[in-house]
Amino acid sequence: MQFNVVVERDEDGRYVAECLDLPGCLSEGETLGEALENISEAILGCLKSRLKLLLEKQTWIEIPTEDKVSVQFDMSGALRYA
């Protein structure tokens, strides 16, 4: 699965990451690496939360057991999740 993520620096120099594909899914970190790790965890949390809501309506859906998202970052600013 791939998600579009924007990473910017705030006025205090911290990195703020936002997943454009999941409204309200934000995180931050003191370093770029920390921000990317934190947004990965935030994306997983958002997906699990949404899946849980679906499960309340559809009992046949199973929650995946994997709790990690891999992130690829290149210097163009594009992030890819696998």
C-alpha atoms as a PDB file:
ATOM      1  CA  MET A   1       0.000   0.000   0.000  1.00  0.00           C
ATOM      2  CA  GLN A   2       1.267   3.475  -0.810  1.00  0.00           C
ATOM      3  CA  PHE A   3       0.355   6.729   0.927  1.00  0.00           C
ATOM      4  CA  ASN A   4       1.130  10.326   0.022  1.00  0.00           C
ATOM      5  CA  VAL A   5       2.921  12.062   2.876  1.00  0.00           C
ATOM      6  CA  VAL A   6       4.092  15.663   3.124  1.00  0.00           C
ATOM      7  CA  VAL A   7       6.904  16.539   5.525  1.00  0.00           C
ATOM      8  CA  GLU A   8       7.612  20.166   6.462  1.00  0.00           C
ATOM      9  CA  ARG A   9       9.638  21.902   9.133  1.00  0.00           C
ATOM     10  CA  ASP A  10       7.778  24.100  11.590  1.00  0.00           C
ATOM     11  CA  GLU A  11       8.959  27.396  13.075  1.00  0.00           C
ATOM     12  CA  ASP A  12      10.761  25.517  15.880  1.00  0.00           C
ATOM     13  CA  GLY A  13      12.685  23.338  13.414  1.00  0.00           C
ATOM     14  CA  ARG A  14      10.677  20.155  14.104  1.00  0.00           C
ATOM     15  CA  TYR A  15       9.549  17.963  11.224  1.00  0.00           C
ATOM     16  CA  VAL A  16       5.780  17.704  10.780  1.00  0.00           C
ATOM     17  CA  ALA A  17       4.437  14.844   8.641  1.00  0.00           C
ATOM     18  CA  GLU A  18       0.902  14.632   7.250  1.00  0.00           C
ATOM     19  CA  CYS A  19      -0.648  11.718   5.361  1.00  0.00           C
ATOM     20  CA  LEU A  20      -2.699  13.314   2.590  1.00  0.00           C
ATOM     21  CA  ASP A  21      -4.636  10.091   1.982  1.00  0.00           C
ATOM     22  CA  LEU A  22      -5.922   9.884   5.569  1.00  0.00           C
ATOM     23  CA  PRO A  23      -7.399  13.226   6.665  1.00  0.00           C
ATOM     24  CA  GLY A  24      -6.323  14.134  10.192  1.00  0.00           C
ATOM     25  CA  CYS A  25      -3.402  11.701  10.198  1.00  0.00           C
ATOM     26  CA  LEU A  26      -0.466  13.820  11.413  1.00  0.00           C
ATOM     27  CA  SER A  27       2.720  13.298  13.369  1.00  0.00           C
ATOM     28  CA  GLU A  28       6.034  15.013  14.066  1.00  0.00           C
ATOM     29  CA  GLY A  29       9.590  14.427  15.161  1.00  0.00           C
ATOM     30  CA  GLU A  30      12.809  16.198  16.027  1.00  0.00           C
ATOM     31  CA  THR A  31      14.548  14.561  13.044  1.00  0.00           C
ATOM     32  CA  LEU A  32      13.304  13.539   9.613  1.00  0.00           C
ATOM     33  CA  GLY A  33      13.794   9.880  10.497  1.00  0.00           C
ATOM     34  CA  GLU A  34      11.795  10.243  13.699  1.00  0.00           C
ATOM     35  CA  ALA A  35       8.983  12.034  11.851  1.00  0.00           C
ATOM     36  CA  LEU A  36       8.853   9.278   9.215  1.00  0.00           C
ATOM     37  CA  GLU A  37       8.782   6.571  11.874  1.00  0.00           C
ATOM     38  CA  ASN A  38       6.049   8.418  13.773  1.00  0.00           C
ATOM     39  CA  ILE A  39       3.871   8.983  10.697  1.00  0.00           C
ATOM     40  CA  SER A  40       4.195   5.279   9.865  1.00  0.00           C
ATOM     41  CA  GLU A  41       2.816   4.448  13.314  1.00  0.00           C
ATOM     42  CA  ALA A  42       0.086   7.073  12.918  1.00  0.00           C
ATOM     43  CA  ILE A  43      -0.950   5.627   9.550  1.00  0.00           C
ATOM     44  CA  LEU A  44      -1.185   2.153  11.067  1.00  0.00           C
ATOM     45  CA  GLY A  45      -3.270   3.522  13.931  1.00  0.00           C
ATOM     46  CA  CYS A  46      -5.631   5.309  11.542  1.00  0.00           C
ATOM     47  CA  LEU A  47      -6.042   2.204   9.384  1.00  0.00           C
ATOM     48  CA  LYS A  48      -6.649  -0.073  12.377  1.00  0.00           C
ATOM     49  CA  SER A  49      -9.186   2.366  13.783  1.00  0.00           C
ATOM     50  CA  ARG A  50     -11.066   2.569  10.487  1.00  0.00           C
ATOM     51  CA  LEU A  51     -10.961  -1.195  10.102  1.00  0.00           C
ATOM     52  CA  LYS A  52     -12.348  -1.623  13.612  1.00  0.00           C
ATOM     53  CA  LEU A  53     -15.272   0.636  12.706  1.00  0.00           C
ATOM     54  CA  LEU A  54     -15.894  -1.478   9.603  1.00  0.00           C
ATOM     55  CA  LEU A  55     -15.793  -4.654  11.679  1.00  0.00           C
ATOM     56  CA  GLU A  56     -18.631  -3.369  13.802  1.00  0.00           C
ATOM     57  CA  LYS A  57     -20.766  -3.366  10.638  1.00  0.00           C
ATOM     58  CA  GLN A  58     -19.220  -6.305   8.740  1.00  0.00           C
ATOM     59  CA  THR A  59     -18.369  -9.318  10.901  1.00  0.00           C
ATOM     60  CA  TRP A  60     -16.667 -11.206   8.037  1.00  0.00           C
ATOM     61  CA  ILE A  61     -13.676  -8.802   7.745  1.00  0.00           C
ATOM     62  CA  GLU A  62     -10.493  -9.876   9.560  1.00  0.00           C
ATOM     63  CA  ILE A  63      -7.975  -7.458  11.124  1.00  0.00           C
ATOM     64  CA  PRO A  64      -4.449  -7.997   9.772  1.00  0.00           C
ATOM     65  CA  THR A  65      -1.919  -9.006  12.413  1.00  0.00           C
ATOM     66  CA  GLU A  66       1.057  -7.147  10.924  1.00  0.00           C
ATOM     67  CA  ASP A  67       1.843  -4.029  12.912  1.00  0.00           C
ATOM     68  CA  LYS A  68       4.563  -2.468  10.783  1.00  0.00           C
ATOM     69  CA  VAL A  69       4.611  -0.279   7.702  1.00  0.00           C
ATOM     70  CA  SER A  70       7.802  -0.012   5.683  1.00  0.00           C
ATOM     71  CA  VAL A  71       8.731   3.440   4.412  1.00  0.00           C
ATOM     72  CA  GLN A  72      10.891   4.414   1.465  1.00  0.00           C
ATOM     73  CA  PHE A  73      12.016   8.032   1.188  1.00  0.00           C
ATOM     74  CA  ASP A  74      13.861   9.598  -1.689  1.00  0.00           C
ATOM     75  CA  MET A  75      15.291  13.085  -1.970  1.00  0.00           C
ATOM     76  CA  SER A  76      12.454  14.251  -4.242  1.00  0.00           C
ATOM     77  CA  GLY A  77      10.243  14.247  -1.170  1.00  0.00           C
ATOM     78  CA  ALA A  78       8.189  11.237  -2.285  1.00  0.00           C
ATOM     79  CA  LEU A  79       7.387   8.635   0.336  1.00  0.00           C
ATOM     80  CA  ARG A  80       6.349   5.123  -0.550  1.00  0.00           C
ATOM     81  CA  TYR A  81       4.850   2.623   1.861  1.00  0.00           C
ATOM     82  CA  ALA A  82       5.026  -1.088   1.154  1.00  0.00           C
END
